[in-house]
């Protein structure tokens, strides 16, 4: 086994095996669950918990909405040239056309503002919840706070309506 630099690795086990064993020990997962890509972050583990027991975790639609929000949030960070953004290794944004880059920055910031607007509306409807904190800690910072599970479900429902059903006509 070799390290990414090409040197022979002295590790006794491959990193994926160590990660799998740690997930099994810390989170009480089975071997197949620990190998899943979803097990890599708190949001994925919440979704896996929902697949096991519908009373726990977040549903597939909530997970999809949360992932879409993370993409929008990361695009906003890239638009601000934040060091906290996750950059792809494929080229760079706006390297060829500055006007196109400026338009992309405006679109990214507007998409984030629209998503936050959807959370604002949901927060106004549910006064006893703190959706802002749930989104900040559980989506943006990837922390697991079990007492905010209900709040993140509500926020993800609002985000799902915003991202996936916003353009549909209302029935009633």
Protein backbone atom coordinates (compact mmCIF):
# COMPACT_ATOMS: atom_id res chain seq x y z
CA UNK A 1 0.00 0.00 0.00
CA UNK A 2 1.29 3.45 -0.94
CA UNK A 3 0.61 6.96 0.32
CA UNK A 4 -0.60 9.65 -2.13
CA UNK A 5 3.00 10.91 -2.39
CA UNK A 6 4.10 7.52 -3.73
CA UNK A 7 5.99 6.40 -0.65
CA UNK A 8 5.27 3.02 0.84
CA UNK A 9 2.78 3.44 3.67
CA UNK A 10 3.64 2.09 7.11
CA UNK A 11 0.00 1.99 8.19
CA UNK A 12 -1.12 -1.45 9.28
CA UNK A 13 -4.61 -1.03 7.80
CA UNK A 14 -5.99 1.11 4.97
CA UNK A 15 -7.63 4.40 6.05
CA UNK A 16 -11.08 3.29 4.86
CA UNK A 17 -10.93 0.27 7.16
CA UNK A 18 -9.94 2.44 10.13
CA UNK A 19 -12.80 4.86 9.37
CA UNK A 20 -15.25 1.96 9.07
CA UNK A 21 -14.21 0.50 12.43
CA UNK A 22 -14.41 3.91 14.11
CA UNK A 23 -17.92 4.52 12.76
CA UNK A 24 -19.01 1.09 13.92
CA UNK A 25 -17.60 1.69 17.41
CA UNK A 26 -18.64 5.33 17.91
CA UNK A 27 -22.04 5.39 16.19
CA UNK A 28 -23.08 1.77 16.68
CA UNK A 29 -23.44 1.06 12.96
CA UNK A 30 -23.31 -2.23 11.16
CA UNK A 31 -20.35 -2.91 8.86
CA UNK A 32 -22.36 -2.21 5.70
CA UNK A 33 -23.76 1.05 7.12
CA UNK A 34 -20.31 2.22 8.16
CA UNK A 35 -19.03 1.76 4.60
CA UNK A 36 -21.78 3.95 3.13
CA UNK A 37 -20.95 7.46 1.93
CA UNK A 38 -23.87 8.72 4.02
CA UNK A 39 -22.03 7.71 7.20
CA UNK A 40 -19.39 10.36 6.56
CA UNK A 41 -21.30 13.29 8.04
CA UNK A 42 -24.02 13.97 10.60
CA UNK A 43 -26.70 14.70 8.02
CA UNK A 44 -26.11 11.38 6.28
CA UNK A 45 -26.21 9.52 9.57
CA UNK A 46 -29.55 11.18 10.38
CA UNK A 47 -30.87 10.01 7.03
CA UNK A 48 -29.60 6.48 7.67
CA UNK A 49 -31.37 6.54 11.06
CA UNK A 50 -34.62 7.47 9.29
CA UNK A 51 -34.18 4.52 6.90
CA UNK A 52 -33.91 2.18 9.91
CA UNK A 53 -36.73 3.73 11.95
CA UNK A 54 -39.10 6.33 10.48
CA UNK A 55 -39.47 8.01 13.89
CA UNK A 56 -35.80 9.03 13.95
CA UNK A 57 -33.62 11.11 11.66
CA UNK A 58 -34.63 12.97 8.51
CA UNK A 59 -36.49 11.71 5.46
CA UNK A 60 -35.14 11.44 1.93
CA UNK A 61 -36.82 14.66 0.81
CA UNK A 62 -35.49 16.50 3.86
CA UNK A 63 -32.01 15.11 3.19
CA UNK A 64 -32.16 16.22 -0.47
CA UNK A 65 -33.25 19.72 0.56
CA UNK A 66 -30.47 19.92 3.15
CA UNK A 67 -27.86 18.84 0.60
CA UNK A 68 -29.16 21.42 -1.87
CA UNK A 69 -28.92 24.10 0.84
CA UNK A 70 -25.33 23.06 1.53
CA UNK A 71 -24.53 23.51 -2.17
CA UNK A 72 -26.12 26.98 -2.19
CA UNK A 73 -24.30 27.92 1.02
CA UNK A 74 -20.98 26.73 -0.40
CA UNK A 75 -21.58 28.70 -3.62
CA UNK A 76 -22.22 31.81 -1.52
CA UNK A 77 -18.95 31.21 0.31
CA UNK A 78 -17.14 30.81 -3.02
CA UNK A 79 -18.71 34.05 -4.27
CA UNK A 80 -17.31 35.79 -1.19
CA UNK A 81 -13.90 34.13 -1.78
CA UNK A 82 -14.15 32.57 1.67
CA UNK A 83 -11.41 30.28 2.88
CA UNK A 84 -14.13 28.08 4.41
CA UNK A 85 -15.62 27.18 1.03
CA UNK A 86 -15.01 23.77 -0.53
CA UNK A 87 -13.46 24.26 -3.94
CA UNK A 88 -13.47 21.66 -6.69
CA UNK A 89 -10.17 20.81 -8.31
CA UNK A 90 -11.70 21.35 -11.75
CA UNK A 91 -10.61 24.75 -13.07
CA UNK A 92 -11.59 27.98 -11.42
CA UNK A 93 -14.73 30.05 -11.39
CA UNK A 94 -14.78 32.98 -13.80
CA UNK A 95 -11.19 32.68 -14.93
CA UNK A 96 -12.06 33.42 -18.55
CA UNK A 97 -14.84 36.02 -18.44
CA UNK A 98 -15.12 38.57 -15.61
CA UNK A 99 -18.68 39.53 -16.61
CA UNK A 100 -19.79 35.92 -16.41
CA UNK A 101 -18.12 35.62 -13.02
CA UNK A 102 -19.88 38.75 -11.75
CA UNK A 103 -23.25 37.37 -12.92
CA UNK A 104 -22.50 34.05 -11.20
CA UNK A 105 -21.64 35.86 -7.95
CA UNK A 106 -24.97 37.71 -8.07
CA UNK A 107 -26.87 34.48 -8.78
CA UNK A 108 -25.10 32.64 -5.95
CA UNK A 109 -25.82 35.39 -3.43
CA UNK A 110 -29.45 35.67 -4.58
CA UNK A 111 -29.96 31.90 -4.33
CA UNK A 112 -28.66 32.00 -0.76
CA UNK A 113 -30.87 34.97 0.11
CA UNK A 114 -33.90 33.15 -1.34
CA UNK A 115 -33.14 30.00 0.68
CA UNK A 116 -32.75 32.07 3.85
CA UNK A 117 -36.05 33.75 2.98
CA UNK A 118 -37.74 30.34 2.96
CA UNK A 119 -36.27 29.66 6.40
CA UNK A 120 -37.46 33.11 7.55
CA UNK A 121 -41.03 32.26 6.50
CA UNK A 122 -40.92 28.93 8.31
CA UNK A 123 -39.48 30.61 11.41
CA UNK A 124 -42.35 33.12 11.39
CA UNK A 125 -44.84 30.23 11.28
CA UNK A 126 -43.24 28.32 14.17
CA UNK A 127 -42.42 30.76 16.93
CA UNK A 128 -41.36 28.13 19.48
CA UNK A 129 -38.51 26.77 17.33
CA UNK A 130 -35.10 28.17 16.49
CA UNK A 131 -34.66 27.19 12.86
CA UNK A 132 -31.75 29.59 12.35
CA UNK A 133 -29.63 27.85 14.98
CA UNK A 134 -30.58 24.41 13.66
CA UNK A 135 -29.53 25.37 10.13
CA UNK A 136 -26.34 27.02 11.32
CA UNK A 137 -25.15 24.20 13.54
CA UNK A 138 -26.51 21.11 11.80
CA UNK A 139 -26.26 22.10 8.11
CA UNK A 140 -23.57 24.74 7.89
CA UNK A 141 -21.25 23.49 10.66
CA UNK A 142 -22.13 19.76 10.45
CA UNK A 143 -22.62 19.35 14.21
CA UNK A 144 -25.07 16.89 15.73
CA UNK A 145 -27.35 18.41 18.35
CA UNK A 146 -30.14 15.94 19.20
CA UNK A 147 -32.33 18.56 20.86
CA UNK A 148 -32.54 20.41 17.51
CA UNK A 149 -33.75 17.43 15.49
CA UNK A 150 -37.33 18.71 15.32
CA UNK A 151 -36.14 22.16 14.28
CA UNK A 152 -33.93 20.83 11.50
CA UNK A 153 -36.84 18.76 10.20
CA UNK A 154 -38.98 21.91 10.02
CA UNK A 155 -36.20 23.86 8.32
CA UNK A 156 -35.61 21.06 5.82
CA UNK A 157 -39.33 20.92 5.06
CA UNK A 158 -39.27 24.65 4.28
CA UNK A 159 -36.16 24.22 2.14
CA UNK A 160 -37.77 21.31 0.29
CA UNK A 161 -40.80 23.48 -0.51
CA UNK A 162 -38.46 26.24 -1.68
CA UNK A 163 -36.12 24.16 -3.82
CA UNK A 164 -38.38 21.44 -5.22
CA UNK A 165 -42.03 22.54 -5.11
CA UNK A 166 -41.76 26.33 -5.36
CA UNK A 167 -42.71 26.53 -9.06
CA UNK A 168 -45.71 24.22 -8.81
CA UNK A 169 -49.20 25.67 -8.79
CA UNK A 170 -51.04 25.64 -5.50
CA UNK A 171 -54.09 23.38 -5.48
CA UNK A 172 -56.41 25.29 -3.17
